Protein backbone atom coordinates (compact mmCIF):
# COMPACT_ATOMS: atom_id res chain seq x y z
CA UNK A 1 0.00 0.00 0.00
CA UNK A 2 1.39 3.40 -0.90
CA UNK A 3 2.19 5.96 1.77
CA UNK A 4 -0.49 8.28 0.36
CA UNK A 5 -3.16 5.56 0.77
CA UNK A 6 -2.54 5.13 4.48
CA UNK A 7 -2.06 7.35 7.50
CA UNK A 8 -0.49 7.00 10.93
CA UNK A 9 -2.32 7.50 14.20
CA UNK A 10 -0.73 8.71 17.43
CA UNK A 11 0.38 5.15 18.41
CA UNK A 12 2.26 4.77 15.07
CA UNK A 13 -0.18 2.12 13.86
CA UNK A 14 -1.06 2.11 10.20
CA UNK A 15 -4.68 3.17 9.77
CA UNK A 16 -6.57 1.84 6.75
CA UNK A 17 -8.57 4.81 5.41
CA UNK A 18 -11.91 3.94 3.86
CA UNK A 19 -12.50 0.80 5.95
CA UNK A 20 -13.49 0.36 9.58
CA UNK A 21 -11.09 -2.65 9.70
CA UNK A 22 -11.88 -3.56 13.35
CA UNK A 23 -11.00 -7.20 14.04
CA UNK A 24 -13.70 -9.67 15.11
CA UNK A 25 -12.82 -10.93 18.63
CA UNK A 26 -11.10 -14.32 18.50
CA UNK A 27 -10.89 -14.32 14.69
CA UNK A 28 -8.87 -12.84 11.85
CA UNK A 29 -11.91 -11.29 10.12
CA UNK A 30 -12.01 -7.49 9.90
CA UNK A 31 -14.92 -5.14 9.33
CA UNK A 32 -15.24 -4.01 5.72
CA UNK A 33 -17.76 -1.20 6.36
CA UNK A 34 -16.89 2.50 6.16
CA UNK A 35 -15.07 4.03 9.16
CA UNK A 36 -17.35 5.48 11.83
CA UNK A 37 -20.38 3.36 10.97
CA UNK A 38 -23.03 3.12 13.70
CA UNK A 39 -24.28 -0.45 13.30
CA UNK A 40 -22.70 -3.85 13.99
CA UNK A 41 -19.41 -4.64 12.28
CA UNK A 42 -19.62 -6.72 9.09
CA UNK A 43 -17.16 -8.78 7.05
CA UNK A 44 -18.73 -8.41 3.60
CA UNK A 45 -17.18 -11.51 1.99
CA UNK A 46 -18.39 -13.99 4.63
CA UNK A 47 -21.48 -12.02 5.72
CA UNK A 48 -20.30 -12.37 9.33
CA UNK A 49 -21.30 -9.63 11.79
CA UNK A 50 -20.37 -8.80 15.40
CA UNK A 51 -21.22 -5.99 17.86
CA UNK A 52 -19.14 -2.94 18.66
CA UNK A 53 -16.83 -3.19 21.70
CA UNK A 54 -15.72 -0.34 23.92
CA UNK A 55 -12.38 1.24 22.97
CA UNK A 56 -11.94 -0.54 19.63
CA UNK A 57 -9.09 0.49 17.33
CA UNK A 58 -8.02 -0.80 13.93
CA UNK A 59 -4.64 -2.11 15.02
CA UNK A 60 -5.79 -4.25 17.94
PDB file of N, CA and C in Angstrom:
ATOM      1  N   UNK A   1       0.857  -1.175   0.000  1.00  0.00           N
ATOM      2  CA  UNK A   1       0.000   0.000   0.000  1.00  0.00           C
ATOM      3  C   UNK A   1       0.897   1.230   0.000  1.00  0.00           C
ATOM      4  N   UNK A   2       0.566   2.195  -0.817  1.00  0.00           N
ATOM      5  CA  UNK A   2       1.386   3.398  -0.901  1.00  0.00           C
ATOM      6  C   UNK A   2       1.220   4.253   0.348  1.00  0.00           C
ATOM      7  N   UNK A   3       2.221   5.073   0.613  1.00  0.00           N
ATOM      8  CA  UNK A   3       2.185   5.960   1.773  1.00  0.00           C
ATOM      9  C   UNK A   3       0.993   6.907   1.694  1.00  0.00           C
ATOM     10  N   UNK A   4       0.633   7.358   0.493  1.00  0.00           N
ATOM     11  CA  UNK A   4      -0.489   8.280   0.361  1.00  0.00           C
ATOM     12  C   UNK A   4      -1.833   7.606   0.635  1.00  0.00           C
ATOM     13  N   UNK A   5      -1.899   6.276   0.546  1.00  0.00           N
ATOM     14  CA  UNK A   5      -3.155   5.564   0.768  1.00  0.00           C
ATOM     15  C   UNK A   5      -3.338   5.148   2.213  1.00  0.00           C
ATOM     16  N   UNK A   6      -2.406   5.474   3.068  1.00  0.00           N
ATOM     17  CA  UNK A   6      -2.542   5.129   4.481  1.00  0.00           C
ATOM     18  C   UNK A   6      -2.106   6.312   5.330  1.00  0.00           C
ATOM     19  N   UNK A   7      -2.459   6.285   6.593  1.00  0.00           N
ATOM     20  CA  UNK A   7      -2.059   7.350   7.503  1.00  0.00           C
ATOM     21  C   UNK A   7      -1.626   6.720   8.816  1.00  0.00           C
ATOM     22  N   UNK A   8      -0.963   7.494   9.647  1.00  0.00           N
ATOM     23  CA  UNK A   8      -0.492   6.999  10.932  1.00  0.00           C
ATOM     24  C   UNK A   8      -1.297   7.663  12.038  1.00  0.00           C
ATOM     25  N   UNK A   9      -1.679   6.899  13.058  1.00  0.00           N
ATOM     26  CA  UNK A   9      -2.325   7.503  14.205  1.00  0.00           C
ATOM     27  C   UNK A   9      -1.278   7.762  15.275  1.00  0.00           C
ATOM     28  N   UNK A  10      -1.693   8.285  16.415  1.00  0.00           N
ATOM     29  CA  UNK A  10      -0.729   8.708  17.433  1.00  0.00           C
ATOM     30  C   UNK A  10       0.080   7.558  18.018  1.00  0.00           C
ATOM     31  N   UNK A  11      -0.376   6.301  17.887  1.00  0.00           N
ATOM     32  CA  UNK A  11       0.375   5.155  18.409  1.00  0.00           C
ATOM     33  C   UNK A  11       1.294   4.568  17.350  1.00  0.00           C
ATOM     34  N   UNK A  12       1.454   5.235  16.196  1.00  0.00           N
ATOM     35  CA  UNK A  12       2.256   4.775  15.066  1.00  0.00           C
ATOM     36  C   UNK A  12       1.735   3.504  14.438  1.00  0.00           C
ATOM     37  N   UNK A  13       0.448   3.235  14.568  1.00  0.00           N
ATOM     38  CA  UNK A  13      -0.177   2.122  13.860  1.00  0.00           C
ATOM     39  C   UNK A  13      -0.584   2.620  12.492  1.00  0.00           C
ATOM     40  N   UNK A  14      -0.549   1.759  11.511  1.00  0.00           N
ATOM     41  CA  UNK A  14      -1.064   2.115  10.205  1.00  0.00           C
ATOM     42  C   UNK A  14      -2.579   2.050  10.254  1.00  0.00           C
ATOM     43  N   UNK A  15      -3.223   3.100   9.807  1.00  0.00           N
ATOM     44  CA  UNK A  15      -4.679   3.172   9.767  1.00  0.00           C
ATOM     45  C   UNK A  15      -5.107   2.980   8.317  1.00  0.00           C
ATOM     46  N   UNK A  16      -6.078   2.101   8.096  1.00  0.00           N
ATOM     47  CA  UNK A  16      -6.570   1.844   6.752  1.00  0.00           C
ATOM     48  C   UNK A  16      -7.724   2.814   6.471  1.00  0.00           C
ATOM     49  N   UNK A  17      -7.494   3.872   5.702  1.00  0.00           N
ATOM     50  CA  UNK A  17      -8.574   4.814   5.413  1.00  0.00           C
ATOM     51  C   UNK A  17      -9.601   4.161   4.494  1.00  0.00           C
ATOM     52  N   UNK A  18     -10.855   4.470   4.702  1.00  0.00           N
ATOM     53  CA  UNK A  18     -11.908   3.943   3.856  1.00  0.00           C
ATOM     54  C   UNK A  18     -12.550   2.668   4.368  1.00  0.00           C
ATOM     55  N   UNK A  19     -11.931   2.002   5.343  1.00  0.00           N
ATOM     56  CA  UNK A  19     -12.504   0.799   5.952  1.00  0.00           C
ATOM     57  C   UNK A  19     -12.468   0.924   7.462  1.00  0.00           C
ATOM     58  N   UNK A  20     -13.496   0.421   8.116  1.00  0.00           N
ATOM     59  CA  UNK A  20     -13.495   0.360   9.580  1.00  0.00           C
ATOM     60  C   UNK A  20     -12.327  -0.508  10.045  1.00  0.00           C
ATOM     61  N   UNK A  21     -12.202  -1.721   9.517  1.00  0.00           N
ATOM     62  CA  UNK A  21     -11.089  -2.649   9.704  1.00  0.00           C
ATOM     63  C   UNK A  21     -10.904  -3.130  11.142  1.00  0.00           C
ATOM     64  N   UNK A  22     -11.941  -3.027  11.990  1.00  0.00           N
ATOM     65  CA  UNK A  22     -11.883  -3.555  13.353  1.00  0.00           C
ATOM     66  C   UNK A  22     -11.944  -5.073  13.283  1.00  0.00           C
ATOM     67  N   UNK A  23     -11.068  -5.742  14.038  1.00  0.00           N
ATOM     68  CA  UNK A  23     -10.996  -7.202  14.041  1.00  0.00           C
ATOM     69  C   UNK A  23     -12.136  -7.817  14.856  1.00  0.00           C
ATOM     70  N   UNK A  24     -12.709  -8.913  14.351  1.00  0.00           N
ATOM     71  CA  UNK A  24     -13.704  -9.674  15.107  1.00  0.00           C
ATOM     72  C   UNK A  24     -12.982 -10.382  16.249  1.00  0.00           C
ATOM     73  N   UNK A  25     -13.484 -10.286  17.496  1.00  0.00           N
ATOM     74  CA  UNK A  25     -12.823 -10.934  18.633  1.00  0.00           C
ATOM     75  C   UNK A  25     -12.627 -12.435  18.392  1.00  0.00           C
ATOM     76  N   UNK A  26     -11.404 -12.907  18.631  1.00  0.00           N
ATOM     77  CA  UNK A  26     -11.099 -14.318  18.501  1.00  0.00           C
ATOM     78  C   UNK A  26     -11.006 -14.820  17.076  1.00  0.00           C
ATOM     79  N   UNK A  27     -10.901 -13.924  16.101  1.00  0.00           N
ATOM     80  CA  UNK A  27     -10.886 -14.323  14.695  1.00  0.00           C
ATOM     81  C   UNK A  27      -9.947 -13.396  13.934  1.00  0.00           C
ATOM     82  N   UNK A  28      -9.699 -13.712  12.685  1.00  0.00           N
ATOM     83  CA  UNK A  28      -8.872 -12.841  11.849  1.00  0.00           C
ATOM     84  C   UNK A  28      -9.704 -11.951  10.941  1.00  0.00           C
ATOM     85  N   UNK A  29     -11.037 -12.118  10.953  1.00  0.00           N
ATOM     86  CA  UNK A  29     -11.908 -11.292  10.118  1.00  0.00           C
ATOM     87  C   UNK A  29     -11.866  -9.836  10.567  1.00  0.00           C
ATOM     88  N   UNK A  30     -11.975  -8.916   9.616  1.00  0.00           N
ATOM     89  CA  UNK A  30     -12.013  -7.493   9.903  1.00  0.00           C
ATOM     90  C   UNK A  30     -13.220  -6.875   9.218  1.00  0.00           C
ATOM     91  N   UNK A  31     -13.739  -5.830   9.847  1.00  0.00           N
ATOM     92  CA  UNK A  31     -14.919  -5.144   9.332  1.00  0.00           C
ATOM     93  C   UNK A  31     -14.586  -4.430   8.026  1.00  0.00           C
ATOM     94  N   UNK A  32     -15.441  -4.629   7.032  1.00  0.00           N
ATOM     95  CA  UNK A  32     -15.239  -4.007   5.722  1.00  0.00           C
ATOM     96  C   UNK A  32     -16.184  -2.838   5.466  1.00  0.00           C
ATOM     97  N   UNK A  33     -16.890  -2.370   6.500  1.00  0.00           N
ATOM     98  CA  UNK A  33     -17.759  -1.202   6.359  1.00  0.00           C
ATOM     99  C   UNK A  33     -16.926   0.081   6.409  1.00  0.00           C
ATOM    100  N   UNK A  34     -17.564   1.199   6.118  1.00  0.00           N
ATOM    101  CA  UNK A  34     -16.890   2.500   6.161  1.00  0.00           C
ATOM    102  C   UNK A  34     -16.534   2.865   7.604  1.00  0.00           C
ATOM    103  N   UNK A  35     -15.446   3.608   7.811  1.00  0.00           N
ATOM    104  CA  UNK A  35     -15.075   4.027   9.165  1.00  0.00           C
ATOM    105  C   UNK A  35     -16.185   4.856   9.809  1.00  0.00           C
ATOM    106  N   UNK A  36     -16.372   4.696  11.102  1.00  0.00           N
ATOM    107  CA  UNK A  36     -17.351   5.484  11.834  1.00  0.00           C
ATOM    108  C   UNK A  36     -18.786   5.020  11.691  1.00  0.00           C
ATOM    109  N   UNK A  37     -19.009   3.852  11.112  1.00  0.00           N
ATOM    110  CA  UNK A  37     -20.383   3.363  10.968  1.00  0.00           C
ATOM    111  C   UNK A  37     -21.007   3.165  12.350  1.00  0.00           C
ATOM    112  N   UNK A  38     -22.339   3.174  12.408  1.00  0.00           N
ATOM    113  CA  UNK A  38     -23.027   3.116  13.699  1.00  0.00           C
ATOM    114  C   UNK A  38     -23.736   1.796  13.963  1.00  0.00           C
ATOM    115  N   UNK A  39     -23.616   0.843  13.079  1.00  0.00           N
ATOM    116  CA  UNK A  39     -24.277  -0.451  13.298  1.00  0.00           C
ATOM    117  C   UNK A  39     -23.226  -1.511  13.644  1.00  0.00           C
ATOM    118  N   UNK A  40     -23.644  -2.774  13.729  1.00  0.00           N
ATOM    119  CA  UNK A  40     -22.698  -3.849  13.991  1.00  0.00           C
ATOM    120  C   UNK A  40     -21.632  -3.899  12.904  1.00  0.00           C
ATOM    121  N   UNK A  41     -20.471  -4.439  13.267  1.00  0.00           N
ATOM    122  CA  UNK A  41     -19.414  -4.640  12.278  1.00  0.00           C
ATOM    123  C   UNK A  41     -19.835  -5.744  11.315  1.00  0.00           C
ATOM    124  N   UNK A  42     -19.265  -5.731  10.103  1.00  0.00           N
ATOM    125  CA  UNK A  42     -19.618  -6.724   9.092  1.00  0.00           C
ATOM    126  C   UNK A  42     -18.407  -7.043   8.232  1.00  0.00           C
ATOM    127  N   UNK A  43     -18.141  -8.329   8.030  1.00  0.00           N
ATOM    128  CA  UNK A  43     -17.155  -8.777   7.047  1.00  0.00           C
ATOM    129  C   UNK A  43     -17.951  -9.141   5.800  1.00  0.00           C
ATOM    130  N   UNK A  44     -17.845  -8.316   4.765  1.00  0.00           N
ATOM    131  CA  UNK A  44     -18.725  -8.415   3.596  1.00  0.00           C
ATOM    132  C   UNK A  44     -18.576  -9.724   2.828  1.00  0.00           C
ATOM    133  N   UNK A  45     -17.396 -10.315   2.797  1.00  0.00           N
ATOM    134  CA  UNK A  45     -17.181 -11.513   1.986  1.00  0.00           C
ATOM    135  C   UNK A  45     -17.786 -12.764   2.612  1.00  0.00           C
ATOM    136  N   UNK A  46     -17.826 -12.818   3.947  1.00  0.00           N
ATOM    137  CA  UNK A  46     -18.390 -13.991   4.626  1.00  0.00           C
ATOM    138  C   UNK A  46     -19.762 -13.701   5.214  1.00  0.00           C
ATOM    139  N   UNK A  47     -20.198 -12.453   5.144  1.00  0.00           N
ATOM    140  CA  UNK A  47     -21.485 -12.018   5.715  1.00  0.00           C
ATOM    141  C   UNK A  47     -21.543 -12.282   7.222  1.00  0.00           C
ATOM    142  N   UNK A  48     -20.400 -12.181   7.889  1.00  0.00           N
ATOM    143  CA  UNK A  48     -20.305 -12.372   9.329  1.00  0.00           C
ATOM    144  C   UNK A  48     -20.385 -11.008  10.005  1.00  0.00           C
ATOM    145  N   UNK A  49     -21.195 -10.896  11.060  1.00  0.00           N
ATOM    146  CA  UNK A  49     -21.296  -9.626  11.788  1.00  0.00           C
ATOM    147  C   UNK A  49     -21.012  -9.851  13.263  1.00  0.00           C
ATOM    148  N   UNK A  50     -20.634  -8.771  13.966  1.00  0.00           N
ATOM    149  CA  UNK A  50     -20.371  -8.801  15.402  1.00  0.00           C
ATOM    150  C   UNK A  50     -20.572  -7.398  15.965  1.00  0.00           C
ATOM    151  N   UNK A  51     -20.903  -7.300  17.260  1.00  0.00           N
ATOM    152  CA  UNK A  51     -21.217  -5.993  17.858  1.00  0.00           C
ATOM    153  C   UNK A  51     -19.968  -5.147  18.125  1.00  0.00           C
ATOM    154  N   UNK A  52     -20.204  -3.861  18.258  1.00  0.00           N
ATOM    155  CA  UNK A  52     -19.135  -2.937  18.664  1.00  0.00           C
ATOM    156  C   UNK A  52     -18.668  -3.273  20.078  1.00  0.00           C
ATOM    157  N   UNK A  53     -17.386  -3.055  20.350  1.00  0.00           N
ATOM    158  CA  UNK A  53     -16.833  -3.191  21.699  1.00  0.00           C
ATOM    159  C   UNK A  53     -16.293  -1.830  22.126  1.00  0.00           C
ATOM    160  N   UNK A  54     -16.255  -1.594  23.399  1.00  0.00           N
ATOM    161  CA  UNK A  54     -15.716  -0.339  23.923  1.00  0.00           C
ATOM    162  C   UNK A  54     -14.227  -0.213  23.632  1.00  0.00           C
ATOM    163  N   UNK A  55     -13.794   0.950  23.166  1.00  0.00           N
ATOM    164  CA  UNK A  55     -12.385   1.236  22.968  1.00  0.00           C
ATOM    165  C   UNK A  55     -11.741   0.572  21.770  1.00  0.00           C
ATOM    166  N   UNK A  56     -12.505   0.151  20.789  1.00  0.00           N
ATOM    167  CA  UNK A  56     -11.944  -0.535  19.626  1.00  0.00           C
ATOM    168  C   UNK A  56     -11.039   0.377  18.812  1.00  0.00           C
ATOM    169  N   UNK A  57      -9.984  -0.206  18.245  1.00  0.00           N
ATOM    170  CA  UNK A  57      -9.092   0.491  17.330  1.00  0.00           C
ATOM    171  C   UNK A  57      -8.683  -0.467  16.236  1.00  0.00           C
ATOM    172  N   UNK A  58      -8.366   0.051  15.060  1.00  0.00           N
ATOM    173  CA  UNK A  58      -8.018  -0.800  13.928  1.00  0.00           C
ATOM    174  C   UNK A  58      -6.878  -1.760  14.229  1.00  0.00           C
ATOM    175  N   UNK A  59      -5.853  -1.308  14.862  1.00  0.00           N
ATOM    176  CA  UNK A  59      -4.641  -2.108  15.017  1.00  0.00           C
ATOM    177  C   UNK A  59      -4.620  -2.916  16.309  1.00  0.00           C
ATOM    178  N   UNK A  60      -5.761  -3.439  16.711  1.00  0.00           N
ATOM    179  CA  UNK A  60      -5.786  -4.246  17.942  1.00  0.00           C
ATOM    180  C   UNK A  60      -5.150  -5.594  17.734  1.00  0.00           C
TER     181      UNK A  60
END
